[in-house]
Amino acid sequence: MARERQGAASAPAARVSSRLDQLEQLLVCETGVSIAEMVDATGWQQHSVRGAIAGALKKRGLEITSDKVDGVRRYRASQPA
């Protein structure tokens, strides 16, 4: 029985994407993403999403831009040139 546990424990685990990874994936979309869409995707509150954009995602080296499309602010991220 001990051998069965060792075999199962040595199998590589798949990496689970974090909420920051999810935000990054949404932001690199060419259409961009709204705060409301980021809140829905992560389950975070609006101020937490804004804080993640201003802090952690910028520290990852992303350049965050935003513009208003039809009255809704859309955020996009790209790697700096």
PDB file of N, CA and C in Angstrom:
ATOM      1  N   MET A   1       0.819  -1.188   0.000  1.00  0.00           N
ATOM      2  CA  MET A   1       0.000   0.000   0.000  1.00  0.00           C
ATOM      3  C   MET A   1       0.866   1.255   0.000  1.00  0.00           C
ATOM      4  N   ALA A   2       1.998   1.225   0.690  1.00  0.00           N
ATOM      5  CA  ALA A   2       2.900   2.374   0.733  1.00  0.00           C
ATOM      6  C   ALA A   2       3.462   2.674  -0.649  1.00  0.00           C
ATOM      7  N   ARG A   3       3.698   1.657  -1.443  1.00  0.00           N
ATOM      8  CA  ARG A   3       4.222   1.864  -2.790  1.00  0.00           C
ATOM      9  C   ARG A   3       3.200   2.558  -3.681  1.00  0.00           C
ATOM     10  N   GLU A   4       1.956   2.231  -3.515  1.00  0.00           N
ATOM     11  CA  GLU A   4       0.918   2.878  -4.315  1.00  0.00           C
ATOM     12  C   GLU A   4       0.895   4.371  -4.048  1.00  0.00           C
ATOM     13  N   ARG A   5       1.055   4.778  -2.820  1.00  0.00           N
ATOM     14  CA  ARG A   5       1.071   6.196  -2.480  1.00  0.00           C
ATOM     15  C   ARG A   5       2.266   6.899  -3.095  1.00  0.00           C
ATOM     16  N   GLN A   6       3.435   6.241  -3.043  1.00  0.00           N
ATOM     17  CA  GLN A   6       4.620   6.851  -3.622  1.00  0.00           C
ATOM     18  C   GLN A   6       4.437   7.065  -5.114  1.00  0.00           C
ATOM     19  N   GLY A   7       3.905   6.095  -5.811  1.00  0.00           N
ATOM     20  CA  GLY A   7       3.705   6.210  -7.246  1.00  0.00           C
ATOM     21  C   GLY A   7       2.760   7.351  -7.594  1.00  0.00           C
ATOM     22  N   ALA A   8       1.704   7.489  -6.842  1.00  0.00           N
ATOM     23  CA  ALA A   8       0.728   8.534  -7.114  1.00  0.00           C
ATOM     24  C   ALA A   8       1.295   9.912  -6.787  1.00  0.00           C
ATOM     25  N   ALA A   9       2.114   9.995  -5.752  1.00  0.00           N
ATOM     26  CA  ALA A   9       2.662  11.275  -5.345  1.00  0.00           C
ATOM     27  C   ALA A   9       3.734  11.773  -6.301  1.00  0.00           C
ATOM     28  N   SER A  10       4.410  10.870  -7.008  1.00  0.00           N
ATOM     29  CA  SER A  10       5.492  11.285  -7.889  1.00  0.00           C
ATOM     30  C   SER A  10       5.001  11.756  -9.255  1.00  0.00           C
ATOM     31  N   ALA A  11       3.734  11.584  -9.571  1.00  0.00           N
ATOM     32  CA  ALA A  11       3.192  12.038 -10.843  1.00  0.00           C
ATOM     33  C   ALA A  11       3.195  13.571 -10.878  1.00  0.00           C
ATOM     34  N   PRO A  12       3.635  14.163 -11.985  1.00  0.00           N
ATOM     35  CA  PRO A  12       3.677  15.625 -12.067  1.00  0.00           C
ATOM     36  C   PRO A  12       2.265  16.226 -12.057  1.00  0.00           C
ATOM     37  N   ALA A  13       2.106  17.271 -11.291  1.00  0.00           N
ATOM     38  CA  ALA A  13       0.804  17.939 -11.209  1.00  0.00           C
ATOM     39  C   ALA A  13       0.738  19.043 -12.257  1.00  0.00           C
ATOM     40  N   ALA A  14      -0.413  19.197 -12.869  1.00  0.00           N
ATOM     41  CA  ALA A  14      -0.609  20.272 -13.840  1.00  0.00           C
ATOM     42  C   ALA A  14      -0.671  21.601 -13.102  1.00  0.00           C
ATOM     43  N   ARG A  15      -0.057  22.622 -13.680  1.00  0.00           N
ATOM     44  CA  ARG A  15      -0.037  23.944 -13.057  1.00  0.00           C
ATOM     45  C   ARG A  15      -1.405  24.590 -13.229  1.00  0.00           C
ATOM     46  N   VAL A  16      -1.946  25.060 -12.135  1.00  0.00           N
ATOM     47  CA  VAL A  16      -3.232  25.735 -12.151  1.00  0.00           C
ATOM     48  C   VAL A  16      -2.967  27.222 -12.358  1.00  0.00           C
ATOM     49  N   SER A  17      -3.663  27.829 -13.306  1.00  0.00           N
ATOM     50  CA  SER A  17      -3.432  29.252 -13.550  1.00  0.00           C
ATOM     51  C   SER A  17      -4.035  30.078 -12.421  1.00  0.00           C
ATOM     52  N   SER A  18      -3.313  31.111 -12.048  1.00  0.00           N
ATOM     53  CA  SER A  18      -3.767  31.988 -10.970  1.00  0.00           C
ATOM     54  C   SER A  18      -4.744  33.024 -11.531  1.00  0.00           C
ATOM     55  N   ARG A  19      -5.326  33.767 -10.657  1.00  0.00           N
ATOM     56  CA  ARG A  19      -6.243  34.819 -11.093  1.00  0.00           C
ATOM     57  C   ARG A  19      -5.493  35.904 -11.855  1.00  0.00           C
ATOM     58  N   LEU A  20      -4.249  36.174 -11.450  1.00  0.00           N
ATOM     59  CA  LEU A  20      -3.444  37.143 -12.196  1.00  0.00           C
ATOM     60  C   LEU A  20      -3.168  36.637 -13.609  1.00  0.00           C
ATOM     61  N   ASP A  21      -2.920  35.343 -13.746  1.00  0.00           N
ATOM     62  CA  ASP A  21      -2.736  34.757 -15.070  1.00  0.00           C
ATOM     63  C   ASP A  21      -4.009  34.912 -15.905  1.00  0.00           C
ATOM     64  N   GLN A  22      -5.151  34.710 -15.267  1.00  0.00           N
ATOM     65  CA  GLN A  22      -6.430  34.868 -15.969  1.00  0.00           C
ATOM     66  C   GLN A  22      -6.605  36.309 -16.443  1.00  0.00           C
ATOM     67  N   LEU A  23      -6.276  37.277 -15.565  1.00  0.00           N
ATOM     68  CA  LEU A  23      -6.387  38.684 -15.952  1.00  0.00           C
ATOM     69  C   LEU A  23      -5.463  38.994 -17.124  1.00  0.00           C
ATOM     70  N   GLU A  24      -4.246  38.483 -17.058  1.00  0.00           N
ATOM     71  CA  GLU A  24      -3.288  38.730 -18.131  1.00  0.00           C
ATOM     72  C   GLU A  24      -3.808  38.182 -19.458  1.00  0.00           C
ATOM     73  N   GLN A  25      -4.379  36.985 -19.442  1.00  0.00           N
ATOM     74  CA  GLN A  25      -4.924  36.395 -20.659  1.00  0.00           C
ATOM     75  C   GLN A  25      -6.066  37.232 -21.218  1.00  0.00           C
ATOM     76  N   LEU A  26      -6.909  37.762 -20.346  1.00  0.00           N
ATOM     77  CA  LEU A  26      -8.011  38.608 -20.799  1.00  0.00           C
ATOM     78  C   LEU A  26      -7.490  39.914 -21.387  1.00  0.00           C
ATOM     79  N   LEU A  27      -6.486  40.493 -20.755  1.00  0.00           N
ATOM     80  CA  LEU A  27      -5.971  41.795 -21.174  1.00  0.00           C
ATOM     81  C   LEU A  27      -5.214  41.752 -22.494  1.00  0.00           C
ATOM     82  N   VAL A  28      -4.604  40.646 -22.834  1.00  0.00           N
ATOM     83  CA  VAL A  28      -3.854  40.592 -24.087  1.00  0.00           C
ATOM     84  C   VAL A  28      -4.751  40.332 -25.297  1.00  0.00           C
ATOM     85  N   CYS A  29      -6.011  40.112 -25.075  1.00  0.00           N
ATOM     86  CA  CYS A  29      -7.005  39.985 -26.147  1.00  0.00           C
ATOM     87  C   CYS A  29      -7.016  41.271 -26.975  1.00  0.00           C
ATOM     88  N   GLU A  30      -7.156  41.161 -28.277  1.00  0.00           N
ATOM     89  CA  GLU A  30      -7.132  42.364 -29.106  1.00  0.00           C
ATOM     90  C   GLU A  30      -8.333  43.283 -28.856  1.00  0.00           C
ATOM     91  N   THR A  31      -9.456  42.739 -28.410  1.00  0.00           N
ATOM     92  CA  THR A  31     -10.632  43.569 -28.138  1.00  0.00           C
ATOM     93  C   THR A  31     -10.564  44.224 -26.764  1.00  0.00           C
ATOM     94  N   GLY A  32      -9.643  43.748 -25.918  1.00  0.00           N
ATOM     95  CA  GLY A  32      -9.553  44.295 -24.568  1.00  0.00           C
ATOM     96  C   GLY A  32     -10.635  43.720 -23.683  1.00  0.00           C
ATOM     97  N   VAL A  33     -10.705  44.240 -22.471  1.00  0.00           N
ATOM     98  CA  VAL A  33     -11.647  43.707 -21.493  1.00  0.00           C
ATOM     99  C   VAL A  33     -12.089  44.838 -20.564  1.00  0.00           C
ATOM    100  N   SER A  34     -13.322  44.777 -20.116  1.00  0.00           N
ATOM    101  CA  SER A  34     -13.844  45.793 -19.193  1.00  0.00           C
ATOM    102  C   SER A  34     -13.606  45.332 -17.751  1.00  0.00           C
ATOM    103  N   ILE A  35     -13.713  46.272 -16.835  1.00  0.00           N
ATOM    104  CA  ILE A  35     -13.586  45.948 -15.410  1.00  0.00           C
ATOM    105  C   ILE A  35     -14.642  44.907 -15.021  1.00  0.00           C
ATOM    106  N   ALA A  36     -15.871  45.085 -15.508  1.00  0.00           N
ATOM    107  CA  ALA A  36     -16.954  44.154 -15.172  1.00  0.00           C
ATOM    108  C   ALA A  36     -16.619  42.732 -15.623  1.00  0.00           C
ATOM    109  N   GLU A  37     -16.021  42.589 -16.801  1.00  0.00           N
ATOM    110  CA  GLU A  37     -15.653  41.258 -17.298  1.00  0.00           C
ATOM    111  C   GLU A  37     -14.536  40.648 -16.448  1.00  0.00           C
ATOM    112  N   MET A  38     -13.597  41.490 -16.002  1.00  0.00           N
ATOM    113  CA  MET A  38     -12.519  40.998 -15.149  1.00  0.00           C
ATOM    114  C   MET A  38     -13.057  40.590 -13.776  1.00  0.00           C
ATOM    115  N   VAL A  39     -14.018  41.335 -13.257  1.00  0.00           N
ATOM    116  CA  VAL A  39     -14.644  41.002 -11.978  1.00  0.00           C
ATOM    117  C   VAL A  39     -15.351  39.648 -12.093  1.00  0.00           C
ATOM    118  N   ASP A  40     -16.083  39.441 -13.178  1.00  0.00           N
ATOM    119  CA  ASP A  40     -16.785  38.165 -13.395  1.00  0.00           C
ATOM    120  C   ASP A  40     -15.803  37.000 -13.509  1.00  0.00           C
ATOM    121  N   ALA A  41     -14.688  37.210 -14.190  1.00  0.00           N
ATOM    122  CA  ALA A  41     -13.727  36.138 -14.421  1.00  0.00           C
ATOM    123  C   ALA A  41     -12.979  35.736 -13.149  1.00  0.00           C
ATOM    124  N   THR A  42     -12.692  36.708 -12.287  1.00  0.00           N
ATOM    125  CA  THR A  42     -11.876  36.423 -11.105  1.00  0.00           C
ATOM    126  C   THR A  42     -12.676  36.257  -9.824  1.00  0.00           C
ATOM    127  N   GLY A  43     -13.845  36.882  -9.754  1.00  0.00           N
ATOM    128  CA  GLY A  43     -14.609  36.868  -8.513  1.00  0.00           C
ATOM    129  C   GLY A  43     -14.146  37.953  -7.551  1.00  0.00           C
ATOM    130  N   TRP A  44     -13.195  38.786  -8.000  1.00  0.00           N
ATOM    131  CA  TRP A  44     -12.701  39.886  -7.171  1.00  0.00           C
ATOM    132  C   TRP A  44     -13.637  41.074  -7.255  1.00  0.00           C
ATOM    133  N   GLN A  45     -13.469  42.001  -6.328  1.00  0.00           N
ATOM    134  CA  GLN A  45     -14.196  43.265  -6.392  1.00  0.00           C
ATOM    135  C   GLN A  45     -13.465  44.211  -7.335  1.00  0.00           C
ATOM    136  N   GLN A  46     -14.174  45.277  -7.764  1.00  0.00           N
ATOM    137  CA  GLN A  46     -13.608  46.218  -8.736  1.00  0.00           C
ATOM    138  C   GLN A  46     -12.289  46.814  -8.267  1.00  0.00           C
ATOM    139  N   HIS A  47     -12.217  47.205  -7.009  1.00  0.00           N
ATOM    140  CA  HIS A  47     -10.993  47.852  -6.534  1.00  0.00           C
ATOM    141  C   HIS A  47      -9.826  46.866  -6.507  1.00  0.00           C
ATOM    142  N   SER A  48     -10.104  45.600  -6.316  1.00  0.00           N
ATOM    143  CA  SER A  48      -9.045  44.592  -6.332  1.00  0.00           C
ATOM    144  C   SER A  48      -8.514  44.375  -7.747  1.00  0.00           C
ATOM    145  N   VAL A  49      -9.407  44.378  -8.725  1.00  0.00           N
ATOM    146  CA  VAL A  49      -8.996  44.242 -10.126  1.00  0.00           C
ATOM    147  C   VAL A  49      -8.138  45.437 -10.522  1.00  0.00           C
ATOM    148  N   ARG A  50      -8.576  46.635 -10.176  1.00  0.00           N
ATOM    149  CA  ARG A  50      -7.793  47.838 -10.511  1.00  0.00           C
ATOM    150  C   ARG A  50      -6.430  47.810  -9.841  1.00  0.00           C
ATOM    151  N   GLY A  51      -6.386  47.351  -8.593  1.00  0.00           N
ATOM    152  CA  GLY A  51      -5.121  47.246  -7.880  1.00  0.00           C
ATOM    153  C   GLY A  51      -4.185  46.246  -8.527  1.00  0.00           C
ATOM    154  N   ALA A  52      -4.722  45.127  -8.998  1.00  0.00           N
ATOM    155  CA  ALA A  52      -3.906  44.114  -9.669  1.00  0.00           C
ATOM    156  C   ALA A  52      -3.333  44.665 -10.972  1.00  0.00           C
ATOM    157  N   ILE A  53      -4.130  45.444 -11.687  1.00  0.00           N
ATOM    158  CA  ILE A  53      -3.656  46.050 -12.935  1.00  0.00           C
ATOM    159  C   ILE A  53      -2.538  47.045 -12.634  1.00  0.00           C
ATOM    160  N   ALA A  54      -2.759  47.899 -11.662  1.00  0.00           N
ATOM    161  CA  ALA A  54      -1.794  48.949 -11.339  1.00  0.00           C
ATOM    162  C   ALA A  54      -0.533  48.414 -10.677  1.00  0.00           C
ATOM    163  N   GLY A  55      -0.630  47.287 -10.007  1.00  0.00           N
ATOM    164  CA  GLY A  55       0.516  46.764  -9.269  1.00  0.00           C
ATOM    165  C   GLY A  55       1.136  45.547  -9.908  1.00  0.00           C
ATOM    166  N   ALA A  56       0.566  44.397  -9.657  1.00  0.00           N
ATOM    167  CA  ALA A  56       1.177  43.116 -10.024  1.00  0.00           C
ATOM    168  C   ALA A  56       1.367  42.943 -11.523  1.00  0.00           C
ATOM    169  N   LEU A  57       0.391  43.347 -12.318  1.00  0.00           N
ATOM    170  CA  LEU A  57       0.520  43.136 -13.762  1.00  0.00           C
ATOM    171  C   LEU A  57       1.550  44.082 -14.375  1.00  0.00           C
ATOM    172  N   LYS A  58       1.647  45.296 -13.858  1.00  0.00           N
ATOM    173  CA  LYS A  58       2.696  46.198 -14.342  1.00  0.00           C
ATOM    174  C   LYS A  58       4.066  45.694 -13.932  1.00  0.00           C
ATOM    175  N   LYS A  59       4.157  45.077 -12.756  1.00  0.00           N
ATOM    176  CA  LYS A  59       5.440  44.505 -12.319  1.00  0.00           C
ATOM    177  C   LYS A  59       5.847  43.331 -13.192  1.00  0.00           C
ATOM    178  N   ARG A  60       4.897  42.686 -13.824  1.00  0.00           N
ATOM    179  CA  ARG A  60       5.201  41.597 -14.756  1.00  0.00           C
ATOM    180  C   ARG A  60       5.744  42.133 -16.078  1.00  0.00           C
ATOM    181  N   GLY A  61       5.771  43.450 -16.223  1.00  0.00           N
ATOM    182  CA  GLY A  61       6.319  44.058 -17.431  1.00  0.00           C
ATOM    183  C   GLY A  61       5.291  44.386 -18.495  1.00  0.00           C
ATOM    184  N   LEU A  62       4.022  44.306 -18.153  1.00  0.00           N
ATOM    185  CA  LEU A  62       2.980  44.616 -19.130  1.00  0.00           C
ATOM    186  C   LEU A  62       2.732  46.120 -19.188  1.00  0.00           C
ATOM    187  N   GLU A  63       2.472  46.602 -20.391  1.00  0.00           N
ATOM    188  CA  GLU A  63       2.087  47.991 -20.575  1.00  0.00           C
ATOM    189  C   GLU A  63       0.570  48.020 -20.724  1.00  0.00           C
ATOM    190  N   ILE A  64      -0.110  48.622 -19.767  1.00  0.00           N
ATOM    191  CA  ILE A  64      -1.577  48.631 -19.738  1.00  0.00           C
ATOM    192  C   ILE A  64      -2.080  49.928 -20.357  1.00  0.00           C
ATOM    193  N   THR A  65      -3.006  49.818 -21.303  1.00  0.00           N
ATOM    194  CA  THR A  65      -3.640  50.980 -21.911  1.00  0.00           C
ATOM    195  C   THR A  65      -5.149  50.813 -21.790  1.00  0.00           C
ATOM    196  N   SER A  66      -5.860  51.925 -21.884  1.00  0.00           N
ATOM    197  CA  SER A  66      -7.318  51.851 -21.844  1.00  0.00           C
ATOM    198  C   SER A  66      -7.903  52.928 -22.745  1.00  0.00           C
ATOM    199  N   ASP A  67      -9.102  52.664 -23.207  1.00  0.00           N
ATOM    200  CA  ASP A  67      -9.857  53.647 -23.967  1.00  0.00           C
ATOM    201  C   ASP A  67     -11.340  53.346 -23.798  1.00  0.00           C
ATOM    202  N   LYS A  68     -12.152  54.351 -24.098  1.00  0.00           N
ATOM    203  CA  LYS A  68     -13.598  54.172 -23.969  1.00  0.00           C
ATOM    204  C   LYS A  68     -14.179  53.813 -25.324  1.00  0.00           C
ATOM    205  N   VAL A  69     -14.930  52.709 -25.342  1.00  0.00           N
ATOM    206  CA  VAL A  69     -15.614  52.261 -26.545  1.00  0.00           C
ATOM    207  C   VAL A  69     -17.090  52.173 -26.210  1.00  0.00           C
ATOM    208  N   ASP A  70     -17.883  52.985 -26.867  1.00  0.00           N
ATOM    209  CA  ASP A  70     -19.331  53.011 -26.625  1.00  0.00           C
ATOM    210  C   ASP A  70     -19.653  53.234 -25.152  1.00  0.00           C
ATOM    211  N   GLY A  71     -18.891  54.107 -24.496  1.00  0.00           N
ATOM    212  CA  GLY A  71     -19.154  54.452 -23.108  1.00  0.00           C
ATOM    213  C   GLY A  71     -18.617  53.469 -22.081  1.00  0.00           C
ATOM    214  N   VAL A  72     -17.928  52.417 -22.534  1.00  0.00           N
ATOM    215  CA  VAL A  72     -17.373  51.419 -21.625  1.00  0.00           C
ATOM    216  C   VAL A  72     -15.855  51.441 -21.759  1.00  0.00           C
ATOM    217  N   ARG A  73     -15.165  51.582 -20.638  1.00  0.00           N
ATOM    218  CA  ARG A  73     -13.698  51.587 -20.660  1.00  0.00           C
ATOM    219  C   ARG A  73     -13.189  50.168 -20.863  1.00  0.00           C
ATOM    220  N   ARG A  74     -12.321  50.004 -21.881  1.00  0.00           N
ATOM    221  CA  ARG A  74     -11.715  48.709 -22.216  1.00  0.00           C
ATOM    222  C   ARG A  74     -10.222  48.797 -21.947  1.00  0.00           C
ATOM    223  N   TYR A  75      -9.681  47.798 -21.292  1.00  0.00           N
ATOM    224  CA  TYR A  75      -8.270  47.747 -20.941  1.00  0.00           C
ATOM    225  C   TYR A  75      -7.579  46.708 -21.810  1.00  0.00           C
ATOM    226  N   ARG A  76      -6.342  47.025 -22.198  1.00  0.00           N
ATOM    227  CA  ARG A  76      -5.519  46.107 -22.989  1.00  0.00           C
ATOM    228  C   ARG A  76      -4.115  46.089 -22.424  1.00  0.00           C
ATOM    229  N   ALA A  77      -3.415  45.005 -22.626  1.00  0.00           N
ATOM    230  CA  ALA A  77      -2.038  44.896 -22.166  1.00  0.00           C
ATOM    231  C   ALA A  77      -1.151  44.434 -23.320  1.00  0.00           C
ATOM    232  N   SER A  78       0.066  44.931 -23.317  1.00  0.00           N
ATOM    233  CA  SER A  78       1.054  44.494 -24.297  1.00  0.00           C
ATOM    234  C   SER A  78       2.427  44.545 -23.651  1.00  0.00           C
ATOM    235  N   GLN A  79       3.369  43.841 -24.248  1.00  0.00           N
ATOM    236  CA  GLN A  79       4.736  43.896 -23.774  1.00  0.00           C
ATOM    237  C   GLN A  79       5.333  45.207 -24.283  1.00  0.00           C
ATOM    238  N   PRO A  80       6.091  45.930 -23.435  1.00  0.00           N
ATOM    239  CA  PRO A  80       6.686  47.184 -23.895  1.00  0.00           C
ATOM    240  C   PRO A  80       7.679  46.944 -25.024  1.00  0.00           C
ATOM    241  N   ALA A  81       7.754  47.903 -25.928  1.00  0.00           N
ATOM    242  CA  ALA A  81       8.640  47.774 -27.098  1.00  0.00           C
ATOM    243  C   ALA A  81      10.099  47.960 -26.739  1.00  0.00           C
TER     244      ALA A  81
END
